[in-house]
Amino acid sequence: MIANPQKYKKMTAEEYLKWESQQELRHEYVDGEILAMTGGTIPHNEIALNFYTALRPHLRQRGCRANVSDVKVQANQNSRYFYPDLVVTCDPEDLKSREFVQHPKIIVEVLSPGTANYDRGDKFKYYRQMPSLQEYVLVDSESISVEVYHRGEGKMWLYYAFTNGDTIALESIEFECAIELLYEGIIFDNQ
């Protein structure tokens, strides 16, 4: 999904949470600024659902949960809330929560031409400040390409790139799947 800056008055986090719960459309919140979320493409949606479908049975066995784009992640208490395309949590408090996820283990963003720079840049900067986050996954919606950033020692993040024929590995939940599974049913413009 695409975050689109529009002219909204600045709000506190409390005002945002109250206001957002009454909105028809979703909005992200970054340091007082409101960002409207616009719709994604059908391939974008299909990729996120394919990933969710592959993860769900695996996560159930581990007492974890995956949620798709309608679930907020609190990236920083009282200053940042995002709607990632997919979020995985295994935290008992998150599993009981009805408002937002505070302790994600994995966040997945499906890239589109309009969001790729933001997802790789500022959004990743905000996400990696979350101590619980172990892996950040970027899935290209225009070609078969998946990037996984895995938390290493200290502030180090290890980078893994996957493409045609590869098996994607998410170490934090001991999950593997063929990359083609994420792109099942997707027809690219260049085909």
N, C-alpha and C. Protein backbone atom coordinates (compact mmCIF):
# COMPACT_ATOMS: atom_id res chain seq x y z
N MET A 1 0.83 -1.18 0.00
CA MET A 1 0.00 0.00 0.00
C MET A 1 0.87 1.24 0.00
N ILE A 2 0.35 2.29 -0.49
CA ILE A 2 1.12 3.51 -0.66
C ILE A 2 0.69 4.55 0.37
N ALA A 3 1.66 5.06 1.11
CA ALA A 3 1.38 6.15 2.04
C ALA A 3 1.43 7.45 1.26
N ASN A 4 0.37 8.24 1.37
CA ASN A 4 0.24 9.44 0.57
C ASN A 4 0.07 10.64 1.50
N PRO A 5 1.06 11.55 1.55
CA PRO A 5 0.91 12.69 2.44
C PRO A 5 -0.21 13.61 1.96
N GLN A 6 -1.15 13.87 2.83
CA GLN A 6 -2.23 14.80 2.53
C GLN A 6 -2.26 15.83 3.63
N LYS A 7 -3.03 16.86 3.42
CA LYS A 7 -3.10 17.94 4.39
C LYS A 7 -4.08 17.61 5.51
N TYR A 8 -3.58 17.07 6.59
CA TYR A 8 -4.34 16.85 7.81
C TYR A 8 -3.66 17.67 8.90
N LYS A 9 -4.43 18.09 9.88
CA LYS A 9 -3.80 18.81 10.98
C LYS A 9 -2.96 17.83 11.78
N LYS A 10 -1.89 18.33 12.39
CA LYS A 10 -1.05 17.48 13.23
C LYS A 10 -1.88 16.99 14.40
N MET A 11 -1.59 15.77 14.83
CA MET A 11 -2.32 15.16 15.94
C MET A 11 -1.34 14.51 16.90
N THR A 12 -1.79 14.36 18.13
CA THR A 12 -1.04 13.54 19.07
C THR A 12 -1.36 12.09 18.73
N ALA A 13 -0.59 11.16 19.27
CA ALA A 13 -0.85 9.75 19.03
C ALA A 13 -2.24 9.35 19.54
N GLU A 14 -2.62 9.87 20.68
CA GLU A 14 -3.93 9.55 21.25
C GLU A 14 -5.05 10.06 20.33
N GLU A 15 -4.91 11.28 19.82
CA GLU A 15 -5.90 11.83 18.90
C GLU A 15 -5.96 10.99 17.62
N TYR A 16 -4.78 10.63 17.12
CA TYR A 16 -4.73 9.80 15.91
C TYR A 16 -5.45 8.48 16.10
N LEU A 17 -5.16 7.76 17.20
CA LEU A 17 -5.78 6.45 17.42
C LEU A 17 -7.29 6.55 17.51
N LYS A 18 -7.78 7.57 18.18
CA LYS A 18 -9.23 7.77 18.29
C LYS A 18 -9.82 8.11 16.92
N TRP A 19 -9.20 9.04 16.22
CA TRP A 19 -9.65 9.48 14.90
C TRP A 19 -9.60 8.33 13.90
N GLU A 20 -8.49 7.61 13.88
CA GLU A 20 -8.27 6.52 12.91
C GLU A 20 -9.33 5.43 13.07
N SER A 21 -9.74 5.14 14.30
CA SER A 21 -10.72 4.08 14.53
C SER A 21 -12.08 4.42 13.91
N GLN A 22 -12.30 5.69 13.57
CA GLN A 22 -13.57 6.12 13.00
C GLN A 22 -13.48 6.37 11.49
N GLN A 23 -12.33 6.13 10.90
CA GLN A 23 -12.13 6.41 9.47
C GLN A 23 -12.48 5.20 8.61
N GLU A 24 -12.96 5.50 7.42
CA GLU A 24 -13.26 4.45 6.45
C GLU A 24 -11.97 3.93 5.80
N LEU A 25 -11.03 4.84 5.54
CA LEU A 25 -9.75 4.49 4.94
C LEU A 25 -8.67 4.46 6.02
N ARG A 26 -7.57 3.80 5.72
CA ARG A 26 -6.47 3.69 6.69
C ARG A 26 -5.48 4.83 6.52
N HIS A 27 -4.85 5.18 7.64
CA HIS A 27 -3.86 6.25 7.67
C HIS A 27 -2.71 5.83 8.57
N GLU A 28 -1.48 6.05 8.12
CA GLU A 28 -0.32 5.82 8.97
C GLU A 28 -0.02 7.12 9.72
N TYR A 29 0.78 7.00 10.77
CA TYR A 29 1.06 8.14 11.64
C TYR A 29 2.56 8.18 11.91
N VAL A 30 3.20 9.29 11.55
CA VAL A 30 4.64 9.44 11.76
C VAL A 30 4.90 10.79 12.41
N ASP A 31 5.24 10.76 13.68
CA ASP A 31 5.64 11.97 14.42
C ASP A 31 4.65 13.12 14.24
N GLY A 32 3.36 12.83 14.40
CA GLY A 32 2.33 13.86 14.32
C GLY A 32 1.72 14.04 12.95
N GLU A 33 2.38 13.54 11.90
CA GLU A 33 1.88 13.67 10.53
C GLU A 33 1.01 12.47 10.17
N ILE A 34 -0.06 12.72 9.43
CA ILE A 34 -0.98 11.69 8.98
C ILE A 34 -0.71 11.39 7.51
N LEU A 35 -0.54 10.10 7.19
CA LEU A 35 -0.30 9.67 5.81
C LEU A 35 -1.44 8.75 5.38
N ALA A 36 -2.20 9.18 4.37
CA ALA A 36 -3.31 8.37 3.86
C ALA A 36 -2.75 7.18 3.08
N MET A 37 -3.37 6.04 3.24
CA MET A 37 -2.96 4.85 2.53
C MET A 37 -3.83 4.70 1.28
N THR A 38 -3.19 4.54 0.13
CA THR A 38 -3.94 4.34 -1.10
C THR A 38 -3.92 2.86 -1.45
N GLY A 39 -4.80 2.45 -2.30
CA GLY A 39 -4.89 1.04 -2.67
C GLY A 39 -3.70 0.57 -3.50
N GLY A 40 -3.42 -0.70 -3.41
CA GLY A 40 -2.36 -1.30 -4.19
C GLY A 40 -2.93 -1.98 -5.43
N THR A 41 -2.07 -2.58 -6.20
CA THR A 41 -2.49 -3.29 -7.40
C THR A 41 -2.94 -4.70 -7.05
N ILE A 42 -3.57 -5.36 -7.98
CA ILE A 42 -3.97 -6.76 -7.76
C ILE A 42 -2.75 -7.64 -7.53
N PRO A 43 -1.66 -7.53 -8.33
CA PRO A 43 -0.47 -8.34 -8.03
C PRO A 43 0.07 -8.08 -6.62
N HIS A 44 0.07 -6.83 -6.19
CA HIS A 44 0.53 -6.47 -4.84
C HIS A 44 -0.28 -7.25 -3.79
N ASN A 45 -1.59 -7.22 -3.94
CA ASN A 45 -2.48 -7.92 -3.02
C ASN A 45 -2.28 -9.43 -3.08
N GLU A 46 -2.17 -9.98 -4.28
CA GLU A 46 -1.99 -11.42 -4.44
C GLU A 46 -0.69 -11.91 -3.80
N ILE A 47 0.38 -11.15 -3.96
CA ILE A 47 1.67 -11.52 -3.37
C ILE A 47 1.55 -11.56 -1.85
N ALA A 48 0.94 -10.54 -1.26
CA ALA A 48 0.77 -10.51 0.20
C ALA A 48 -0.08 -11.69 0.67
N LEU A 49 -1.16 -12.00 -0.06
CA LEU A 49 -2.01 -13.13 0.33
C LEU A 49 -1.30 -14.47 0.13
N ASN A 50 -0.51 -14.60 -0.94
CA ASN A 50 0.25 -15.83 -1.14
C ASN A 50 1.23 -16.05 0.01
N PHE A 51 1.89 -14.99 0.44
CA PHE A 51 2.85 -15.07 1.55
C PHE A 51 2.13 -15.47 2.83
N TYR A 52 1.01 -14.82 3.09
CA TYR A 52 0.21 -15.14 4.28
C TYR A 52 -0.23 -16.60 4.27
N THR A 53 -0.72 -17.06 3.12
CA THR A 53 -1.20 -18.43 3.00
C THR A 53 -0.08 -19.44 3.25
N ALA A 54 1.12 -19.14 2.79
CA ALA A 54 2.26 -20.04 3.02
C ALA A 54 2.68 -20.04 4.50
N LEU A 55 2.63 -18.88 5.14
CA LEU A 55 3.07 -18.76 6.53
C LEU A 55 2.09 -19.32 7.55
N ARG A 56 0.81 -19.15 7.31
CA ARG A 56 -0.20 -19.40 8.35
C ARG A 56 -0.11 -20.79 8.99
N PRO A 57 -0.09 -21.89 8.23
CA PRO A 57 -0.03 -23.19 8.91
C PRO A 57 1.28 -23.38 9.70
N HIS A 58 2.35 -22.83 9.19
CA HIS A 58 3.65 -22.94 9.87
C HIS A 58 3.62 -22.18 11.21
N LEU A 59 3.02 -21.01 11.21
CA LEU A 59 2.97 -20.18 12.41
C LEU A 59 2.05 -20.75 13.48
N ARG A 60 0.97 -21.35 13.08
CA ARG A 60 0.03 -21.93 14.05
C ARG A 60 0.73 -22.94 14.95
N GLN A 61 1.63 -23.72 14.38
CA GLN A 61 2.36 -24.74 15.15
C GLN A 61 3.31 -24.12 16.16
N ARG A 62 3.64 -22.86 15.99
CA ARG A 62 4.60 -22.19 16.87
C ARG A 62 3.95 -21.18 17.82
N GLY A 63 2.63 -21.11 17.80
CA GLY A 63 1.94 -20.16 18.66
C GLY A 63 2.13 -18.72 18.20
N CYS A 64 2.34 -18.53 16.91
CA CYS A 64 2.53 -17.20 16.34
C CYS A 64 1.34 -16.87 15.44
N ARG A 65 1.28 -15.62 14.99
CA ARG A 65 0.19 -15.19 14.14
C ARG A 65 0.72 -14.24 13.06
N ALA A 66 0.12 -14.35 11.88
CA ALA A 66 0.40 -13.39 10.80
C ALA A 66 -0.87 -12.61 10.54
N ASN A 67 -0.71 -11.32 10.27
CA ASN A 67 -1.83 -10.47 9.88
C ASN A 67 -1.45 -9.72 8.63
N VAL A 68 -2.45 -9.46 7.79
CA VAL A 68 -2.22 -8.70 6.58
C VAL A 68 -2.56 -7.23 6.80
N SER A 69 -2.59 -6.48 5.76
CA SER A 69 -2.52 -5.02 5.72
C SER A 69 -3.48 -4.21 6.58
N ASP A 70 -4.47 -4.79 7.19
CA ASP A 70 -5.40 -4.01 8.00
C ASP A 70 -5.00 -3.93 9.48
N VAL A 71 -3.84 -4.44 9.83
CA VAL A 71 -3.40 -4.42 11.23
C VAL A 71 -2.26 -3.43 11.40
N LYS A 72 -2.44 -2.52 12.35
CA LYS A 72 -1.45 -1.49 12.66
C LYS A 72 -0.30 -2.08 13.47
N VAL A 73 0.89 -1.54 13.23
CA VAL A 73 2.06 -1.84 14.04
C VAL A 73 2.49 -0.54 14.71
N GLN A 74 2.67 -0.60 16.02
CA GLN A 74 3.16 0.55 16.77
C GLN A 74 4.69 0.48 16.73
N ALA A 75 5.28 1.29 15.87
CA ALA A 75 6.73 1.24 15.68
C ALA A 75 7.49 2.03 16.73
N ASN A 76 6.81 2.95 17.39
CA ASN A 76 7.42 3.73 18.45
C ASN A 76 6.27 4.29 19.28
N GLN A 77 6.26 4.00 20.57
CA GLN A 77 5.14 4.42 21.40
C GLN A 77 4.87 5.92 21.26
N ASN A 78 3.64 6.22 20.93
CA ASN A 78 3.15 7.60 20.82
C ASN A 78 3.76 8.42 19.70
N SER A 79 4.45 7.79 18.73
CA SER A 79 4.94 8.62 17.63
C SER A 79 4.86 7.98 16.25
N ARG A 80 4.73 6.65 16.14
CA ARG A 80 4.70 6.05 14.80
C ARG A 80 3.82 4.80 14.77
N TYR A 81 2.91 4.79 13.80
CA TYR A 81 2.03 3.64 13.57
C TYR A 81 1.99 3.39 12.06
N PHE A 82 2.20 2.13 11.68
CA PHE A 82 2.22 1.75 10.26
C PHE A 82 1.29 0.57 10.00
N TYR A 83 0.93 0.40 8.74
CA TYR A 83 0.16 -0.75 8.27
C TYR A 83 1.03 -1.53 7.30
N PRO A 84 1.87 -2.44 7.78
CA PRO A 84 2.67 -3.23 6.84
C PRO A 84 1.78 -4.19 6.04
N ASP A 85 2.29 -4.68 4.94
CA ASP A 85 1.52 -5.61 4.13
C ASP A 85 1.31 -6.93 4.85
N LEU A 86 2.27 -7.31 5.69
CA LEU A 86 2.16 -8.53 6.48
C LEU A 86 3.02 -8.35 7.73
N VAL A 87 2.51 -8.80 8.86
CA VAL A 87 3.28 -8.74 10.10
C VAL A 87 3.13 -10.07 10.82
N VAL A 88 4.23 -10.55 11.38
CA VAL A 88 4.24 -11.79 12.16
C VAL A 88 4.63 -11.44 13.58
N THR A 89 3.85 -11.94 14.54
CA THR A 89 4.18 -11.76 15.94
C THR A 89 4.01 -13.09 16.67
N CYS A 90 4.84 -13.28 17.67
CA CYS A 90 4.76 -14.45 18.53
C CYS A 90 4.63 -14.01 19.98
N ASP A 91 4.52 -12.72 20.20
CA ASP A 91 4.48 -12.15 21.54
C ASP A 91 3.10 -12.37 22.17
N PRO A 92 3.04 -12.90 23.40
CA PRO A 92 1.75 -13.16 24.05
C PRO A 92 0.85 -11.92 24.17
N GLU A 93 1.44 -10.76 24.44
CA GLU A 93 0.64 -9.53 24.53
C GLU A 93 0.03 -9.17 23.19
N ASP A 94 0.80 -9.31 22.13
CA ASP A 94 0.28 -9.03 20.79
C ASP A 94 -0.84 -10.01 20.41
N LEU A 95 -0.69 -11.25 20.81
CA LEU A 95 -1.69 -12.26 20.45
C LEU A 95 -3.03 -11.96 21.12
N LYS A 96 -3.02 -11.19 22.21
CA LYS A 96 -4.26 -10.80 22.89
C LYS A 96 -4.77 -9.43 22.44
N SER A 97 -3.92 -8.66 21.79
CA SER A 97 -4.25 -7.28 21.44
C SER A 97 -5.36 -7.21 20.39
N ARG A 98 -6.18 -6.17 20.51
CA ARG A 98 -7.24 -5.94 19.54
C ARG A 98 -7.02 -4.64 18.77
N GLU A 99 -5.98 -3.86 19.15
CA GLU A 99 -5.73 -2.56 18.51
C GLU A 99 -4.56 -2.57 17.54
N PHE A 100 -3.39 -3.01 18.02
CA PHE A 100 -2.20 -2.99 17.19
C PHE A 100 -1.15 -3.95 17.72
N VAL A 101 -0.17 -4.24 16.87
CA VAL A 101 0.95 -5.10 17.22
C VAL A 101 2.09 -4.21 17.71
N GLN A 102 2.67 -4.56 18.85
CA GLN A 102 3.77 -3.79 19.41
C GLN A 102 5.12 -4.50 19.32
N HIS A 103 5.09 -5.82 19.17
CA HIS A 103 6.33 -6.60 19.21
C HIS A 103 6.43 -7.54 18.00
N PRO A 104 6.48 -6.98 16.79
CA PRO A 104 6.55 -7.84 15.60
C PRO A 104 7.89 -8.57 15.53
N LYS A 105 7.84 -9.78 15.04
CA LYS A 105 9.06 -10.55 14.80
C LYS A 105 9.51 -10.36 13.35
N ILE A 106 8.52 -10.31 12.45
CA ILE A 106 8.80 -10.15 11.01
C ILE A 106 7.82 -9.13 10.45
N ILE A 107 8.32 -8.24 9.61
CA ILE A 107 7.47 -7.32 8.86
C ILE A 107 7.78 -7.51 7.38
N VAL A 108 6.72 -7.62 6.58
CA VAL A 108 6.85 -7.78 5.13
C VAL A 108 6.19 -6.59 4.45
N GLU A 109 6.91 -5.98 3.53
CA GLU A 109 6.36 -4.93 2.69
C GLU A 109 6.48 -5.39 1.24
N VAL A 110 5.37 -5.32 0.50
CA VAL A 110 5.38 -5.62 -0.93
C VAL A 110 5.66 -4.29 -1.63
N LEU A 111 6.74 -4.27 -2.39
CA LEU A 111 7.18 -3.03 -3.03
C LEU A 111 6.40 -2.73 -4.29
N SER A 112 6.14 -1.46 -4.47
CA SER A 112 5.60 -0.97 -5.73
C SER A 112 6.51 0.18 -6.15
N PRO A 113 6.48 0.57 -7.41
CA PRO A 113 7.38 1.66 -7.83
C PRO A 113 7.24 2.92 -6.98
N GLY A 114 6.04 3.21 -6.49
CA GLY A 114 5.84 4.42 -5.71
C GLY A 114 6.28 4.33 -4.26
N THR A 115 6.45 3.10 -3.73
CA THR A 115 6.80 2.95 -2.31
C THR A 115 8.19 2.39 -2.05
N ALA A 116 8.85 1.87 -3.06
CA ALA A 116 10.11 1.15 -2.86
C ALA A 116 11.15 1.98 -2.10
N ASN A 117 11.35 3.22 -2.50
CA ASN A 117 12.37 4.04 -1.81
C ASN A 117 12.01 4.30 -0.36
N TYR A 118 10.74 4.58 -0.08
CA TYR A 118 10.29 4.83 1.28
C TYR A 118 10.43 3.56 2.13
N ASP A 119 10.01 2.41 1.58
CA ASP A 119 10.09 1.15 2.32
C ASP A 119 11.53 0.75 2.63
N ARG A 120 12.44 1.03 1.70
CA ARG A 120 13.86 0.71 1.92
C ARG A 120 14.55 1.74 2.82
N GLY A 121 14.05 2.96 2.82
CA GLY A 121 14.71 4.06 3.52
C GLY A 121 14.10 4.35 4.88
N ASP A 122 13.27 5.40 4.93
CA ASP A 122 12.72 5.86 6.22
C ASP A 122 11.94 4.79 6.96
N LYS A 123 11.12 4.04 6.24
CA LYS A 123 10.31 3.04 6.93
C LYS A 123 11.19 1.98 7.59
N PHE A 124 12.21 1.52 6.88
CA PHE A 124 13.12 0.54 7.47
C PHE A 124 13.88 1.15 8.65
N LYS A 125 14.23 2.41 8.54
CA LYS A 125 14.90 3.10 9.66
C LYS A 125 14.02 3.06 10.91
N TYR A 126 12.72 3.32 10.74
CA TYR A 126 11.80 3.29 11.88
C TYR A 126 11.61 1.86 12.39
N TYR A 127 11.43 0.92 11.48
CA TYR A 127 11.20 -0.47 11.88
C TYR A 127 12.38 -1.06 12.64
N ARG A 128 13.59 -0.80 12.18
CA ARG A 128 14.73 -1.45 12.81
C ARG A 128 15.02 -0.93 14.22
N GLN A 129 14.34 0.13 14.64
CA GLN A 129 14.45 0.60 16.02
C GLN A 129 13.62 -0.24 16.99
N MET A 130 12.82 -1.15 16.45
CA MET A 130 11.97 -2.01 17.28
C MET A 130 12.79 -3.23 17.70
N PRO A 131 13.07 -3.39 18.99
CA PRO A 131 13.93 -4.49 19.45
C PRO A 131 13.42 -5.88 19.10
N SER A 132 12.11 -6.05 18.99
CA SER A 132 11.54 -7.37 18.71
C SER A 132 11.71 -7.79 17.26
N LEU A 133 11.88 -6.83 16.35
CA LEU A 133 11.93 -7.15 14.92
C LEU A 133 13.21 -7.92 14.59
N GLN A 134 13.02 -9.11 14.04
CA GLN A 134 14.15 -9.96 13.66
C GLN A 134 14.41 -9.99 12.16
N GLU A 135 13.33 -9.82 11.37
CA GLU A 135 13.50 -9.85 9.92
C GLU A 135 12.55 -8.85 9.25
N TYR A 136 13.10 -8.19 8.25
CA TYR A 136 12.34 -7.24 7.44
C TYR A 136 12.44 -7.75 6.01
N VAL A 137 11.28 -8.00 5.40
CA VAL A 137 11.23 -8.64 4.09
C VAL A 137 10.62 -7.69 3.08
N LEU A 138 11.31 -7.49 1.97
CA LEU A 138 10.83 -6.66 0.88
C LEU A 138 10.58 -7.56 -0.33
N VAL A 139 9.34 -7.57 -0.81
CA VAL A 139 8.96 -8.42 -1.93
C VAL A 139 8.61 -7.51 -3.10
N ASP A 140 9.31 -7.65 -4.20
CA ASP A 140 9.08 -6.83 -5.39
C ASP A 140 7.78 -7.28 -6.07
N SER A 141 6.95 -6.34 -6.46
CA SER A 141 5.71 -6.70 -7.15
C SER A 141 5.85 -6.62 -8.67
N GLU A 142 7.02 -6.17 -9.15
CA GLU A 142 7.24 -6.00 -10.59
C GLU A 142 8.14 -7.08 -11.18
N SER A 143 8.82 -7.85 -10.34
CA SER A 143 9.70 -8.93 -10.80
C SER A 143 9.88 -9.91 -9.64
N ILE A 144 10.40 -11.09 -9.96
CA ILE A 144 10.60 -12.10 -8.92
C ILE A 144 11.88 -11.77 -8.17
N SER A 145 11.70 -11.11 -7.04
CA SER A 145 12.83 -10.66 -6.24
C SER A 145 12.37 -10.42 -4.80
N VAL A 146 13.05 -11.06 -3.87
CA VAL A 146 12.75 -10.90 -2.44
C VAL A 146 14.05 -10.58 -1.72
N GLU A 147 13.99 -9.57 -0.85
CA GLU A 147 15.13 -9.20 -0.03
C GLU A 147 14.77 -9.42 1.43
N VAL A 148 15.66 -10.06 2.16
CA VAL A 148 15.43 -10.29 3.59
C VAL A 148 16.58 -9.64 4.36
N TYR A 149 16.21 -8.78 5.30
CA TYR A 149 17.17 -8.19 6.22
C TYR A 149 16.98 -8.90 7.55
N HIS A 150 18.03 -9.53 8.03
CA HIS A 150 17.98 -10.31 9.27
C HIS A 150 18.84 -9.62 10.33
N ARG A 151 18.27 -9.40 11.51
CA ARG A 151 19.00 -8.73 12.59
C ARG A 151 20.22 -9.56 12.99
N GLY A 152 21.36 -8.90 13.00
CA GLY A 152 22.60 -9.55 13.42
C GLY A 152 23.02 -9.02 14.79
N GLU A 153 24.30 -8.99 15.04
CA GLU A 153 24.85 -8.49 16.31
C GLU A 153 24.77 -6.97 16.35
N GLY A 154 24.44 -6.43 17.51
CA GLY A 154 24.41 -4.98 17.68
C GLY A 154 23.47 -4.32 16.69
N LYS A 155 24.00 -3.37 15.94
CA LYS A 155 23.18 -2.65 14.95
C LYS A 155 23.31 -3.23 13.54
N MET A 156 23.98 -4.36 13.43
CA MET A 156 24.20 -4.97 12.12
C MET A 156 22.95 -5.71 11.63
N TRP A 157 22.64 -5.52 10.36
CA TRP A 157 21.58 -6.26 9.70
C TRP A 157 22.19 -7.02 8.53
N LEU A 158 21.92 -8.31 8.45
CA LEU A 158 22.44 -9.15 7.37
C LEU A 158 21.43 -9.13 6.21
N TYR A 159 21.96 -9.06 5.00
CA TYR A 159 21.13 -8.92 3.80
C TYR A 159 21.19 -10.20 2.98
N TYR A 160 20.02 -10.69 2.58
CA TYR A 160 19.92 -11.86 1.72
C TYR A 160 19.00 -11.52 0.55
N ALA A 161 19.43 -11.82 -0.66
CA ALA A 161 18.63 -11.58 -1.86
C ALA A 161 18.23 -12.92 -2.47
N PHE A 162 16.97 -13.01 -2.87
CA PHE A 162 16.45 -14.23 -3.47
C PHE A 162 15.80 -13.89 -4.80
N THR A 163 15.91 -14.82 -5.76
CA THR A 163 15.29 -14.64 -7.07
C THR A 163 14.84 -16.00 -7.61
N ASN A 164 14.47 -16.05 -8.91
CA ASN A 164 13.97 -17.27 -9.54
C ASN A 164 14.70 -18.52 -9.09
N GLY A 165 13.94 -19.53 -8.69
CA GLY A 165 14.52 -20.82 -8.33
C GLY A 165 15.03 -20.91 -6.91
N ASP A 166 15.07 -19.82 -6.17
CA ASP A 166 15.59 -19.83 -4.80
C ASP A 166 14.53 -20.26 -3.79
N THR A 167 15.01 -20.71 -2.65
CA THR A 167 14.16 -20.99 -1.51
C THR A 167 14.38 -19.88 -0.49
N ILE A 168 13.30 -19.19 -0.15
CA ILE A 168 13.38 -18.10 0.83
C ILE A 168 13.45 -18.70 2.22
N ALA A 169 14.32 -18.15 3.05
CA ALA A 169 14.46 -18.62 4.43
C ALA A 169 14.23 -17.46 5.39
N LEU A 170 13.35 -17.68 6.36
CA LEU A 170 13.15 -16.75 7.45
C LEU A 170 13.62 -17.46 8.72
N GLU A 171 14.84 -17.15 9.12
CA GLU A 171 15.50 -17.87 10.22
C GLU A 171 14.77 -17.74 11.55
N SER A 172 14.19 -16.57 11.82
CA SER A 172 13.60 -16.32 13.14
C SER A 172 12.41 -17.23 13.45
N ILE A 173 11.77 -17.78 12.41
CA ILE A 173 10.64 -18.68 12.63
C ILE A 173 10.88 -20.04 11.96
N GLU A 174 12.11 -20.28 11.52
CA GLU A 174 12.49 -21.54 10.88
C GLU A 174 11.53 -21.89 9.73
N PHE A 175 11.36 -20.93 8.83
CA PHE A 175 10.43 -21.09 7.71
C PHE A 175 11.19 -21.03 6.40
N GLU A 176 10.83 -21.93 5.48
CA GLU A 176 11.38 -21.90 4.13
C GLU A 176 10.26 -22.14 3.13
N CYS A 177 10.35 -21.49 1.98
CA CYS A 177 9.42 -21.78 0.89
C CYS A 177 10.06 -21.36 -0.43
N ALA A 178 9.62 -21.99 -1.49
CA ALA A 178 10.09 -21.64 -2.82
C ALA A 178 9.59 -20.25 -3.16
N ILE A 179 10.44 -19.42 -3.74
CA ILE A 179 10.06 -18.05 -4.08
C ILE A 179 8.86 -18.04 -5.03
N GLU A 180 8.77 -19.03 -5.89
CA GLU A 180 7.67 -19.09 -6.86
C GLU A 180 6.31 -19.15 -6.19
N LEU A 181 6.25 -19.69 -4.97
CA LEU A 181 4.99 -19.77 -4.24
C LEU A 181 4.42 -18.37 -3.96
N LEU A 182 5.30 -17.41 -3.69
CA LEU A 182 4.85 -16.04 -3.42
C LEU A 182 4.29 -15.37 -4.67
N TYR A 183 4.77 -15.82 -5.83
CA TYR A 183 4.38 -15.19 -7.10
C TYR A 183 3.37 -16.04 -7.88
N GLU A 184 2.79 -17.02 -7.23
CA GLU A 184 1.82 -17.89 -7.89
C GLU A 184 0.65 -17.05 -8.42
N GLY A 185 0.35 -17.22 -9.70
CA GLY A 185 -0.76 -16.51 -10.33
C GLY A 185 -0.45 -15.09 -10.77
N ILE A 186 0.78 -14.65 -10.59
CA ILE A 186 1.16 -13.27 -10.96
C ILE A 186 1.66 -13.26 -12.41
N ILE A 187 1.12 -12.35 -13.20
CA ILE A 187 1.60 -12.13 -14.57
C ILE A 187 2.24 -10.77 -14.61
N PHE A 188 3.51 -10.73 -14.99
CA PHE A 188 4.23 -9.48 -15.03
C PHE A 188 4.02 -8.79 -16.38
N ASP A 189 4.14 -7.46 -16.39
CA ASP A 189 3.93 -6.68 -17.60
C ASP A 189 4.85 -7.10 -18.74
N ASN A 190 6.07 -7.54 -18.42
CA ASN A 190 7.05 -7.89 -19.45
C ASN A 190 6.88 -9.31 -19.96
N GLN A 191 5.83 -10.02 -19.57
CA GLN A 191 5.63 -11.40 -20.04
C GLN A 191 4.70 -11.44 -21.22
